[in-house]
């Protein structure tokens, strides 16, 4: 039977690359995303995939999406809790509370809803792998990004705890921590941070690369390489790990 992967935030950015790479590797793919147009595009690109519009902040929408997956597949072999947002940037005393809540909800609450379902179906199967997308911001503090950083640190704690809960029944849980990832989302982050800090966006771009040992940004495909490895038999004894794909961050500020 073909392996089954569920990906949240799977119609754009990192999640879209995950979906494409898993599909190219022969996996059955189910994805959700909050953007209807992006979901429709992925449905056209990946015939046979389960593609649904769902906001990971909504328990009802996630329940409907995951029920469809369970009805059609009976479970899942890998679940990528990937949906995320950069959230607002600024000094904490200037941040809007609703913007804070939205950032935490997408990044952390969405992972909870996804992992809660994955834990139930994988516990019943006695097998499975959960891959949570955190960030190097979940390992370091970053000025002007407190809601994002708080959520990503929360995902590290969730990963460690779920690995302990689910390991005895044969389910692995790991987190990947991207550094600065080439793409539209990071361009938006640079613009936000430049506005909040008063620094030049190009200087910030160079600063991100210079803060790593390899002096580079990373690509979505490099992240997908790790997700596919963690989903393979070669990673059968890897669980509870927080794996940075970042060129080795030496400093964030």
Protein backbone atom coordinates (compact mmCIF):
# COMPACT_ATOMS: atom_id res chain seq x y z
CA UNK A 1 0.00 0.00 0.00
CA UNK A 2 1.25 3.46 -0.88
CA UNK A 3 2.38 5.54 2.08
CA UNK A 4 0.02 8.31 3.22
CA UNK A 5 1.13 11.80 4.24
CA UNK A 6 -0.97 14.67 5.63
CA UNK A 7 0.45 18.19 5.33
CA UNK A 8 -1.02 21.35 6.85
CA UNK A 9 -0.21 24.62 5.14
CA UNK A 10 0.41 22.39 2.14
CA UNK A 11 -0.54 24.70 -0.72
CA UNK A 12 2.12 27.38 -0.34
CA UNK A 13 5.71 27.88 0.73
CA UNK A 14 7.44 25.04 2.56
CA UNK A 15 4.29 22.93 2.73
CA UNK A 16 3.74 23.11 -1.02
CA UNK A 17 7.28 21.90 -1.60
CA UNK A 18 6.70 19.08 0.90
CA UNK A 19 3.55 18.06 -0.99
CA UNK A 20 5.30 18.09 -4.34
CA UNK A 21 8.28 16.11 -3.09
CA UNK A 22 6.24 13.47 -1.25
CA UNK A 23 4.02 13.05 -4.32
CA UNK A 24 7.08 12.72 -6.57
CA UNK A 25 8.34 10.01 -4.22
CA UNK A 26 5.12 8.04 -4.72
CA UNK A 27 3.22 8.99 -1.56
CA UNK A 28 -0.50 9.64 -1.37
CA UNK A 29 -0.87 13.26 -0.29
CA UNK A 30 -3.57 15.04 1.71
CA UNK A 31 -3.16 18.73 2.32
CA UNK A 32 -5.03 21.67 3.71
CA UNK A 33 -4.40 25.37 3.48
CA UNK A 34 -6.29 28.53 4.38
CA UNK A 35 -6.01 29.99 0.86
CA UNK A 36 -8.72 28.59 -1.48
CA UNK A 37 -6.94 29.65 -4.67
CA UNK A 38 -3.72 27.95 -3.62
CA UNK A 39 -5.62 24.79 -2.67
CA UNK A 40 -7.33 24.74 -6.07
CA UNK A 41 -3.95 25.10 -7.79
CA UNK A 42 -2.54 22.15 -5.86
CA UNK A 43 -5.61 20.06 -6.63
CA UNK A 44 -4.93 20.65 -10.33
CA UNK A 45 -1.22 19.94 -9.92
CA UNK A 46 -1.64 16.75 -7.87
CA UNK A 47 -4.58 14.76 -9.27
CA UNK A 48 -5.81 12.24 -6.75
CA UNK A 49 -4.53 14.19 -3.75
CA UNK A 50 -6.95 15.23 -1.01
CA UNK A 51 -6.85 19.04 -1.11
CA UNK A 52 -9.09 21.02 1.20
CA UNK A 53 -9.42 24.60 2.35
CA UNK A 54 -9.10 24.70 6.12
CA UNK A 55 -7.82 27.27 8.61
CA UNK A 56 -5.71 25.47 11.21
CA UNK A 57 -7.04 27.86 13.87
CA UNK A 58 -10.53 26.43 13.42
CA UNK A 59 -11.31 23.21 15.27
CA UNK A 60 -14.37 22.66 13.10
CA UNK A 61 -12.55 23.16 9.80
CA UNK A 62 -9.67 20.94 10.85
CA UNK A 63 -12.06 18.26 12.09
CA UNK A 64 -13.81 18.28 8.70
CA UNK A 65 -10.53 18.01 6.77
CA UNK A 66 -9.11 15.27 8.98
CA UNK A 67 -12.39 13.34 8.93
CA UNK A 68 -12.17 13.29 5.13
CA UNK A 69 -8.65 11.90 5.35
CA UNK A 70 -9.70 9.26 7.86
CA UNK A 71 -12.79 8.29 5.86
CA UNK A 72 -10.81 7.86 2.63
CA UNK A 73 -7.55 6.45 3.99
CA UNK A 74 -8.34 5.04 7.43
CA UNK A 75 -5.31 6.78 8.93
CA UNK A 76 -1.94 8.25 7.95
CA UNK A 77 1.67 7.14 8.00
CA UNK A 78 3.20 10.62 8.28
CA UNK A 79 1.67 13.89 9.44
CA UNK A 80 3.51 17.14 8.79
CA UNK A 81 2.22 19.82 11.17
CA UNK A 82 3.64 22.56 9.01
CA UNK A 83 1.14 25.45 8.84
CA UNK A 84 2.59 28.67 10.15
CA UNK A 85 2.67 32.43 9.93
CA UNK A 86 5.36 35.00 10.61
CA UNK A 87 3.06 37.10 12.75
CA UNK A 88 3.64 40.76 13.60
CA UNK A 89 6.99 42.39 14.25
CA UNK A 90 7.69 45.15 16.74
CA UNK A 91 8.51 45.95 20.32
CA UNK A 92 6.27 43.97 22.63
CA UNK A 93 4.76 47.11 24.15
CA UNK A 94 3.60 48.10 20.68
CA UNK A 95 2.10 44.78 19.58
CA UNK A 96 -1.61 44.32 19.01
CA UNK A 97 -3.09 41.58 21.19
CA UNK A 98 -5.23 40.14 18.41
CA UNK A 99 -2.19 39.90 16.13
CA UNK A 100 -0.35 38.11 18.95
CA UNK A 101 -3.23 35.66 19.39
CA UNK A 102 -3.48 34.99 15.65
CA UNK A 103 0.23 34.19 15.43
CA UNK A 104 0.11 31.82 18.40
CA UNK A 105 -3.10 30.22 17.09
CA UNK A 106 -1.76 29.42 13.61
CA UNK A 107 1.67 28.23 14.71
CA UNK A 108 0.90 26.45 17.98
CA UNK A 109 -2.83 25.78 18.28
CA UNK A 110 -2.93 24.52 14.70
CA UNK A 111 -0.16 22.05 15.49
CA UNK A 112 -2.10 20.90 18.55
CA UNK A 113 -5.24 20.17 16.52
CA UNK A 114 -3.20 18.35 13.89
CA UNK A 115 -1.13 16.32 16.34
CA UNK A 116 -4.14 15.44 18.47
CA UNK A 117 -5.70 13.69 15.48
CA UNK A 118 -2.41 12.14 14.39
CA UNK A 119 -1.79 10.76 17.89
CA UNK A 120 -5.19 9.08 17.96
CA UNK A 121 -4.98 7.39 14.58
CA UNK A 122 -1.31 6.45 14.90
CA UNK A 123 -1.77 5.05 18.38
CA UNK A 124 -4.50 2.81 16.94
CA UNK A 125 -2.19 1.76 14.09
CA UNK A 126 0.81 1.24 16.33
CA UNK A 127 2.98 3.16 13.87
CA UNK A 128 3.56 6.55 12.30
CA UNK A 129 5.74 9.62 12.21
CA UNK A 130 4.88 13.22 13.05
CA UNK A 131 7.08 15.98 11.67
CA UNK A 132 6.51 19.40 13.21
CA UNK A 133 7.84 22.54 11.53
CA UNK A 134 9.34 24.78 14.19
CA UNK A 135 12.16 27.26 13.45
CA UNK A 136 15.60 28.27 14.58
CA UNK A 137 13.56 30.99 16.27
CA UNK A 138 12.37 28.12 18.47
CA UNK A 139 15.95 27.73 19.68
CA UNK A 140 17.06 31.36 19.95
CA UNK A 141 15.50 34.65 21.00
CA UNK A 142 14.83 37.15 18.22
CA UNK A 143 14.16 40.84 18.95
CA UNK A 144 10.87 42.26 17.60
CA UNK A 145 9.44 38.76 16.87
CA UNK A 146 8.14 37.74 20.31
CA UNK A 147 4.83 36.07 19.26
CA UNK A 148 6.49 34.01 16.55
CA UNK A 149 9.38 33.02 18.79
CA UNK A 150 7.07 32.10 21.67
CA UNK A 151 5.00 29.86 19.38
CA UNK A 152 8.01 28.16 17.85
CA UNK A 153 9.54 27.47 21.27
CA UNK A 154 6.18 25.98 22.21
CA UNK A 155 6.45 23.59 19.27
CA UNK A 156 9.80 22.35 20.56
CA UNK A 157 8.18 21.49 23.89
CA UNK A 158 5.26 19.83 22.11
CA UNK A 159 7.64 17.71 20.06
CA UNK A 160 9.61 16.51 23.07
CA UNK A 161 6.46 15.68 25.02
CA UNK A 162 4.67 13.86 22.21
CA UNK A 163 7.77 11.80 21.48
CA UNK A 164 7.60 10.59 25.09
CA UNK A 165 3.86 9.96 24.98
CA UNK A 166 3.80 8.13 21.66
CA UNK A 167 7.16 6.39 21.55
CA UNK A 168 5.93 3.35 23.54
CA UNK A 169 3.32 2.63 20.85
CA UNK A 170 5.77 2.91 17.96
CA UNK A 171 5.12 6.49 16.86
CA UNK A 172 8.00 8.88 16.27
CA UNK A 173 7.81 12.68 16.66
CA UNK A 174 10.48 15.12 15.49
CA UNK A 175 10.73 18.82 14.69
CA UNK A 176 12.63 20.51 11.93
CA UNK A 177 13.90 24.04 12.52
CA UNK A 178 14.42 25.98 9.30
CA UNK A 179 16.75 28.94 9.33
CA UNK A 180 16.30 31.75 6.82
CA UNK A 181 14.43 30.11 3.94
CA UNK A 182 14.51 31.54 0.42
CA UNK A 183 11.02 32.54 -0.73
CA UNK A 184 8.17 35.01 -0.51
CA UNK A 185 7.48 34.49 3.20
CA UNK A 186 10.99 35.45 4.26
CA UNK A 187 10.85 38.49 2.02
CA UNK A 188 7.80 39.63 3.99
CA UNK A 189 9.64 38.94 7.24
CA UNK A 190 12.59 41.05 6.11
CA UNK A 191 10.25 43.93 5.30
CA UNK A 192 8.56 43.68 8.71
CA UNK A 193 11.83 43.48 10.62
CA UNK A 194 13.29 46.38 8.67
CA UNK A 195 10.29 48.51 9.57
CA UNK A 196 10.40 47.50 13.23
CA UNK A 197 14.14 47.92 13.68
CA UNK A 198 14.86 50.78 11.30
CA UNK A 199 17.52 48.70 9.52
CA UNK A 200 18.03 48.31 5.79
CA UNK A 201 16.36 45.13 4.41
CA UNK A 202 19.45 44.17 2.42
CA UNK A 203 21.63 44.55 5.49
CA UNK A 204 19.24 42.26 7.36
CA UNK A 205 19.38 39.73 4.51
CA UNK A 206 23.16 39.64 4.69
CA UNK A 207 23.02 39.47 8.48
CA UNK A 208 20.92 36.30 8.40
CA UNK A 209 23.46 34.54 6.20
CA UNK A 210 26.46 35.88 8.09
CA UNK A 211 25.03 34.52 11.35
CA UNK A 212 25.49 30.93 10.13
CA UNK A 213 28.63 28.84 9.82
CA UNK A 214 27.88 28.05 6.18
CA UNK A 215 27.10 31.72 5.42
CA UNK A 216 23.96 30.87 3.50
CA UNK A 217 20.19 30.76 3.46
CA UNK A 218 18.41 27.45 2.93
CA UNK A 219 15.90 26.28 0.35
CA UNK A 220 12.49 24.66 0.71
CA UNK A 221 13.83 21.58 -1.07
CA UNK A 222 16.53 21.19 1.55
CA UNK A 223 13.82 21.15 4.21
CA UNK A 224 11.86 18.60 2.20
CA UNK A 225 14.95 16.40 2.03
CA UNK A 226 14.92 16.19 5.83
CA UNK A 227 11.15 15.65 6.07
CA UNK A 228 11.40 12.76 3.62
CA UNK A 229 14.32 11.26 5.52
CA UNK A 230 12.45 11.48 8.84
CA UNK A 231 9.53 9.75 7.14
CA UNK A 232 11.64 6.88 5.87
CA UNK A 233 12.72 3.56 7.43
CA UNK A 234 16.25 4.99 7.62
CA UNK A 235 15.02 7.24 10.46
CA UNK A 236 13.23 4.47 12.37
CA UNK A 237 15.20 5.13 15.58
CA UNK A 238 15.09 8.93 15.39
CA UNK A 239 12.50 10.54 17.66
CA UNK A 240 12.23 13.50 19.99
CA UNK A 241 14.83 15.41 17.99
CA UNK A 242 14.91 19.12 17.19
CA UNK A 243 16.77 19.26 13.90
CA UNK A 244 17.99 22.59 12.56
CA UNK A 245 18.34 22.95 8.80
CA UNK A 246 20.01 26.33 8.83
CA UNK A 247 23.69 26.14 7.93
CA UNK A 248 24.44 26.09 11.69
CA UNK A 249 23.21 29.24 13.36
CA UNK A 250 25.94 30.97 15.36
CA UNK A 251 23.89 34.00 16.30
CA UNK A 252 20.45 35.43 15.61
CA UNK A 253 21.13 39.08 16.49
